[in-house]
Structure formats: C-alpha cells, structure tokens
Amino acid sequence: MISLHVNSSLPRAGSELLQALLGQHPQVYASATSPLLEYWYGALGNYDMAERKSQNEQDMKAAFAGFCRAGAQGYYTALTDKSVVVDKSRGWLEYADLLWSVYPAAKIVCMTRPVEKIVESLEKIYRQHPGHPETRGLPKTTEARARAWTSPGSHPLGLALERLKDRQARGPDSRIKYVDYGQLTRQPVEVMRTVFAFIDLEPINIDPLNVRKSVSEDDRHYGIFGRHEIRPQIEARE
C-alpha cells in the first residue's frame, strides 16, 4: 500500500522546488499539481445523502474513508510503483482533517515565505505581461495590487493565507512541517534531510546542482500567476 503525504504551500513559495527535491529520493513519487483533493471534495459534496443518513453513522464514516483511500490508491498505483507519494495541492491545509480521517499517518509539508516577497514575485509577473488578459482587471498601482492579492479569499494569495492562518491558529501540530523558502535555498541539503526524516524516510543528500521535475506538467493551464518554472541549480535567495 502506498504511503501518502502532502505538500500544501503558499503560492510563489517554492512548492515546485520542494517537489523536485523530494523526487530525488528513490522511494518518493512527488506529484505535479494534483486533482486528488478535488476528487475527494466532489465525493464529500454528496456525503449527506438519504442513503447515507439511513445507515449507522460510524459505519458510514469508516466506509467513506475507505472509499477515498481506495480511490487514492488506485489513482497513484496507475501513475507510479514508488512506495511513498507526496501529493501537491494548496487545499490540503484547509482539508487536513479530511486527509487524516483517510490517512491518519499522513504528514503535511508547507512551504512559507514572507508575504512581501510573494507579492514582489506576483508583481514581477504582472510587469512581465503588460496587457495580458489576466492583468487587465488588476488595480493600476503597486499598492492597490498588493492589497488585492492579499485580500481575504483572493487568488492566488489571499485564500492561501487564510488557510495557513486558520491552521496555525489551532496550535502546534506535529503532523505539519513548515519550511521557509529562503532557508531551503540557503541550506538545501540540510533542510531536505529534515523533510525526509519528517515523512519517515531514510534521509539522503539531494543534489542542489541538478534540480529537475520528476513529473511532467503543462502549467499553461494555470495561467501566468500559476507557472512552475524551476532553475536547474539552487541559488541562495532572500
């Protein structure tokens, strides 16, 4: 049976770099941006059916968890023969309780970065695409764009910040590891050894001079603010 862990990170905070480095471990399949949570969410939307309510509640909770678990196993055994999967989706922080009801041993790794640095990254993309359909509706000043990107519920940043703040407000949780983007780029080998240990794997020394995606992904579908380019070599940032 596959062991499942997840990468649920802030946007523009190095989540794709983390996946590339996780993929250097011989036991790990580090996914592209994954639809698995959305599949579970779709099933969750049909949970309160009369057919479910008519039966024993605890039995139905266990059956639903089994349904989601079998779906995840079938999904990933079709993609990999690796024993450990790290599924990448920003939504896992919000749906961590669902994750743990299905996979109690699952760990969450969350890449973080100072908000002003994330906004700088978004602003850089904005300026690289003058007149693009995704930039036309944004405010006309740097300050106003920063407010728009960080406002509650906004994409890609505001909603992600709300999810992070809500999860952290519940107190420390040994099942979640927060990794600072700057620290990862300054000490990639050391930081990744702690990440591997956190997901119960024998730590290895990653190669920071040979960074590449282990799973192909056409990120044009995510728009200009969702692109996932990574450099072939890690350079200290921030």
Protein backbone atom coordinates (compact mmCIF):
# COMPACT_ATOMS: atom_id res chain seq x y z
CA MET A 1 0.00 0.00 0.00
CA ILE A 2 1.22 3.48 -0.85
CA SER A 3 2.07 5.85 2.00
CA LEU A 4 0.55 9.27 1.30
CA HIS A 5 1.88 12.65 2.43
CA VAL A 6 1.08 16.09 1.02
CA ASN A 7 2.68 19.37 0.01
CA SER A 8 0.30 22.23 0.81
CA SER A 9 2.16 25.50 0.44
CA LEU A 10 1.75 29.21 -0.15
CA PRO A 11 1.91 30.36 -3.79
CA ARG A 12 5.27 31.60 -5.08
CA ALA A 13 6.92 29.99 -2.05
CA GLY A 14 8.93 27.16 -3.61
CA SER A 15 6.42 24.31 -3.60
CA GLU A 16 7.57 23.17 -7.04
CA LEU A 17 11.21 23.28 -5.92
CA LEU A 18 10.27 21.15 -2.92
CA GLN A 19 8.58 18.58 -5.18
CA ALA A 20 11.63 18.41 -7.43
CA LEU A 21 13.89 17.78 -4.44
CA LEU A 22 11.52 15.25 -2.89
CA GLY A 23 11.56 13.43 -6.21
CA GLN A 24 15.30 12.84 -5.87
CA HIS A 25 14.56 10.26 -3.16
CA PRO A 26 14.35 6.81 -4.76
CA GLN A 27 11.22 5.90 -2.77
CA VAL A 28 9.25 9.08 -3.45
CA TYR A 29 6.79 9.99 -6.19
CA ALA A 30 6.39 13.76 -5.92
CA SER A 31 3.27 14.64 -7.87
CA ALA A 32 2.54 17.50 -10.19
CA THR A 33 -0.26 19.79 -9.01
CA SER A 34 -2.80 17.13 -8.18
CA PRO A 35 -6.59 16.76 -8.57
CA LEU A 36 -6.82 14.14 -5.80
CA LEU A 37 -8.24 16.51 -3.19
CA GLU A 38 -10.78 17.81 -5.72
CA TYR A 39 -11.90 14.23 -6.37
CA TRP A 40 -12.37 13.70 -2.64
CA TYR A 41 -14.12 17.06 -2.36
CA GLY A 42 -16.55 16.06 -5.09
CA ALA A 43 -17.40 12.89 -3.18
CA LEU A 44 -17.71 14.90 0.06
CA GLY A 45 -20.32 17.09 -1.64
CA ASN A 46 -22.56 14.03 -1.94
CA TYR A 47 -21.93 12.75 1.58
CA ASP A 48 -25.21 13.94 3.15
CA MET A 49 -27.44 11.74 1.06
CA ALA A 50 -30.55 10.00 2.40
CA GLU A 51 -28.92 6.66 1.63
CA ARG A 52 -26.03 7.54 3.94
CA LYS A 53 -28.24 9.01 6.69
CA SER A 54 -30.36 5.89 6.77
CA GLN A 55 -27.42 3.78 7.98
CA ASN A 56 -25.18 3.69 11.05
CA GLU A 57 -23.22 6.95 11.19
CA GLN A 58 -19.91 5.49 12.36
CA ASP A 59 -20.08 2.72 9.78
CA MET A 60 -20.73 5.28 7.06
CA LYS A 61 -17.79 7.46 8.16
CA ALA A 62 -15.49 4.45 8.02
CA ALA A 63 -16.93 3.43 4.65
CA PHE A 64 -16.42 6.91 3.21
CA ALA A 65 -12.82 6.98 4.44
CA GLY A 66 -12.30 3.58 2.83
CA PHE A 67 -13.80 4.87 -0.42
CA CYS A 68 -11.41 7.84 -0.50
CA ARG A 69 -8.44 5.68 0.46
CA ALA A 70 -9.14 3.11 -2.24
CA GLY A 71 -9.55 5.92 -4.77
CA ALA A 72 -6.20 7.41 -3.83
CA GLN A 73 -4.51 4.02 -4.00
CA GLY A 74 -6.00 3.31 -7.42
CA TYR A 75 -5.08 6.79 -8.66
CA TYR A 76 -1.43 6.56 -7.67
CA THR A 77 -0.78 2.90 -8.46
CA ALA A 78 -1.75 3.84 -12.03
CA LEU A 79 0.93 6.55 -12.01
CA THR A 80 3.85 5.06 -10.08
CA ASP A 81 5.34 2.00 -8.48
CA LYS A 82 7.02 4.11 -5.75
CA SER A 83 6.05 3.30 -2.17
CA VAL A 84 5.71 6.89 -0.93
CA VAL A 85 3.68 9.66 -2.58
CA VAL A 86 3.76 13.37 -1.82
CA ASP A 87 0.58 14.87 -3.30
CA LYS A 88 0.75 18.59 -4.13
CA SER A 89 -2.30 20.81 -3.61
CA ARG A 90 -2.73 24.13 -1.77
CA GLY A 91 -6.08 22.99 -0.39
CA TRP A 92 -4.75 20.30 1.96
CA LEU A 93 -4.19 22.74 4.83
CA GLU A 94 -7.90 23.55 4.82
CA TYR A 95 -8.91 19.90 4.45
CA ALA A 96 -6.27 18.42 6.74
CA ASP A 97 -8.92 16.81 8.93
CA LEU A 98 -10.34 15.01 5.90
CA LEU A 99 -6.81 13.91 4.98
CA TRP A 100 -6.17 12.50 8.46
CA SER A 101 -9.54 10.75 8.59
CA VAL A 102 -8.48 8.82 5.48
CA TYR A 103 -4.72 8.56 6.11
CA PRO A 104 -4.08 9.05 9.86
CA ALA A 105 -0.29 8.82 9.40
CA ALA A 106 -0.13 11.44 6.62
CA LYS A 107 2.23 14.38 7.08
CA ILE A 108 1.84 17.88 5.64
CA VAL A 109 4.81 19.92 4.41
CA CYS A 110 4.06 23.61 3.90
CA MET A 111 6.46 25.98 2.15
CA THR A 112 6.24 29.51 3.55
CA ARG A 113 7.73 32.84 2.50
CA PRO A 114 7.35 36.42 3.75
CA VAL A 115 4.20 37.89 2.27
CA GLU A 116 6.05 40.90 0.87
CA LYS A 117 8.34 38.56 -1.09
CA ILE A 118 5.37 36.68 -2.53
CA VAL A 119 3.78 39.99 -3.55
CA GLU A 120 7.09 41.03 -5.16
CA SER A 121 7.04 37.80 -7.18
CA LEU A 122 3.46 38.40 -8.30
CA GLU A 123 4.31 41.99 -9.20
CA LYS A 124 7.27 40.81 -11.28
CA ILE A 125 4.98 38.51 -13.26
CA TYR A 126 2.49 41.35 -13.68
CA ARG A 127 5.12 43.63 -15.17
CA GLN A 128 6.42 40.90 -17.49
CA HIS A 129 2.97 40.58 -19.11
CA PRO A 130 1.66 44.06 -19.95
CA GLY A 131 -1.79 43.93 -21.48
CA HIS A 132 -2.28 40.23 -20.75
CA PRO A 133 -5.93 39.24 -20.15
CA GLU A 134 -5.06 38.15 -16.59
CA THR A 135 -3.54 41.54 -15.75
CA ARG A 136 -6.09 43.88 -17.31
CA GLY A 137 -8.55 43.71 -14.45
CA LEU A 138 -5.98 44.30 -11.72
CA PRO A 139 -5.63 47.70 -9.99
CA LYS A 140 -3.37 50.29 -11.60
CA THR A 141 -0.94 50.93 -8.74
CA THR A 142 1.55 48.68 -6.98
CA GLU A 143 -0.02 49.36 -3.58
CA ALA A 144 -3.53 48.59 -4.80
CA ARG A 145 -2.40 45.36 -6.46
CA ALA A 146 -0.71 44.28 -3.22
CA ARG A 147 -3.98 44.89 -1.34
CA ALA A 148 -5.93 42.97 -3.97
CA TRP A 149 -3.60 39.96 -3.88
CA THR A 150 -3.66 39.78 -0.06
CA SER A 151 -7.37 40.45 0.44
CA PRO A 152 -9.39 37.60 2.03
CA GLY A 153 -10.44 34.94 -0.44
CA SER A 154 -8.44 36.32 -3.36
CA HIS A 155 -6.41 34.16 -5.70
CA PRO A 156 -3.72 33.10 -5.65
CA LEU A 157 -2.55 34.53 -2.32
CA GLY A 158 -5.40 35.75 -0.12
CA LEU A 159 -7.18 32.41 0.21
CA ALA A 160 -3.89 30.59 0.81
CA LEU A 161 -3.01 33.00 3.62
CA GLU A 162 -6.41 32.45 5.24
CA ARG A 163 -5.92 28.70 5.14
CA LEU A 164 -2.48 29.00 6.69
CA LYS A 165 -3.61 31.38 9.44
CA ASP A 166 -6.59 29.20 10.30
CA ARG A 167 -4.45 26.07 10.58
CA GLN A 168 -1.79 27.80 12.69
CA ALA A 169 -4.45 29.29 14.97
CA ARG A 170 -5.30 25.77 16.09
CA GLY A 171 -1.89 25.46 17.75
CA PRO A 172 1.24 23.44 17.05
CA ASP A 173 0.74 20.16 15.23
CA SER A 174 3.48 17.57 14.92
CA ARG A 175 1.94 16.36 11.66
CA ILE A 176 2.73 19.65 9.89
CA LYS A 177 6.22 20.88 8.97
CA TYR A 178 6.67 24.49 7.85
CA VAL A 179 9.69 25.08 5.62
CA ASP A 180 10.93 28.59 4.88
CA TYR A 181 11.75 29.15 1.21
CA GLY A 182 14.82 31.26 1.95
CA GLN A 183 16.23 28.65 4.30
CA LEU A 184 15.64 25.90 1.75
CA THR A 185 17.58 27.80 -0.90
CA ARG A 186 20.42 28.62 1.51
CA GLN A 187 20.74 25.13 3.04
CA PRO A 188 19.01 22.73 0.63
CA VAL A 189 20.86 19.57 1.63
CA GLU A 190 20.40 20.08 5.36
CA VAL A 191 16.76 21.16 5.11
CA MET A 192 15.79 18.28 2.84
CA ARG A 193 17.32 15.77 5.23
CA THR A 194 14.91 17.05 7.89
CA VAL A 195 11.99 16.84 5.44
CA PHE A 196 12.78 13.22 4.54
CA ALA A 197 13.05 12.33 8.22
CA PHE A 198 9.73 14.08 8.87
CA ILE A 199 7.92 11.85 6.36
CA ASP A 200 9.58 8.80 7.91
CA LEU A 201 12.15 8.16 5.18
CA GLU A 202 15.86 7.49 5.40
CA PRO A 203 17.40 10.94 4.75
CA ILE A 204 19.53 11.32 1.64
CA ASN A 205 21.76 14.14 0.42
CA ILE A 206 19.96 15.76 -2.51
CA ASP A 207 21.89 17.24 -5.43
CA PRO A 208 21.28 21.03 -5.46
CA LEU A 209 23.14 21.36 -8.78
CA ASN A 210 20.85 19.01 -10.70
CA VAL A 211 17.29 20.12 -9.99
CA ARG A 212 14.59 18.98 -12.36
CA LYS A 213 10.96 17.96 -12.27
CA SER A 214 10.46 14.24 -11.97
CA VAL A 215 6.84 14.51 -13.21
CA SER A 216 5.98 16.41 -16.38
CA GLU A 217 3.28 19.10 -16.20
CA ASP A 218 1.86 21.55 -18.72
CA ASP A 219 1.40 24.51 -16.41
CA ARG A 220 -0.01 26.78 -19.13
CA HIS A 221 -3.40 25.66 -17.82
CA TYR A 222 -2.80 27.53 -14.54
CA GLY A 223 -2.36 30.99 -16.07
CA ILE A 224 0.59 33.34 -15.78
CA PHE A 225 0.45 33.50 -11.97
CA GLY A 226 0.47 29.71 -11.64
CA ARG A 227 3.53 28.87 -13.70
CA HIS A 228 6.00 26.47 -12.07
CA GLU A 229 9.40 27.15 -13.61
CA ILE A 230 12.38 25.99 -11.57
CA ARG A 231 16.05 26.67 -12.00
CA PRO A 232 18.38 23.72 -12.66
CA GLN A 233 20.62 24.80 -9.78
CA ILE A 234 19.58 26.12 -6.39
CA GLU A 235 20.74 29.65 -5.64
CA ALA A 236 20.51 31.24 -2.20
CA ARG A 237 17.53 33.62 -2.10
CA GLU A 238 16.38 36.26 0.37
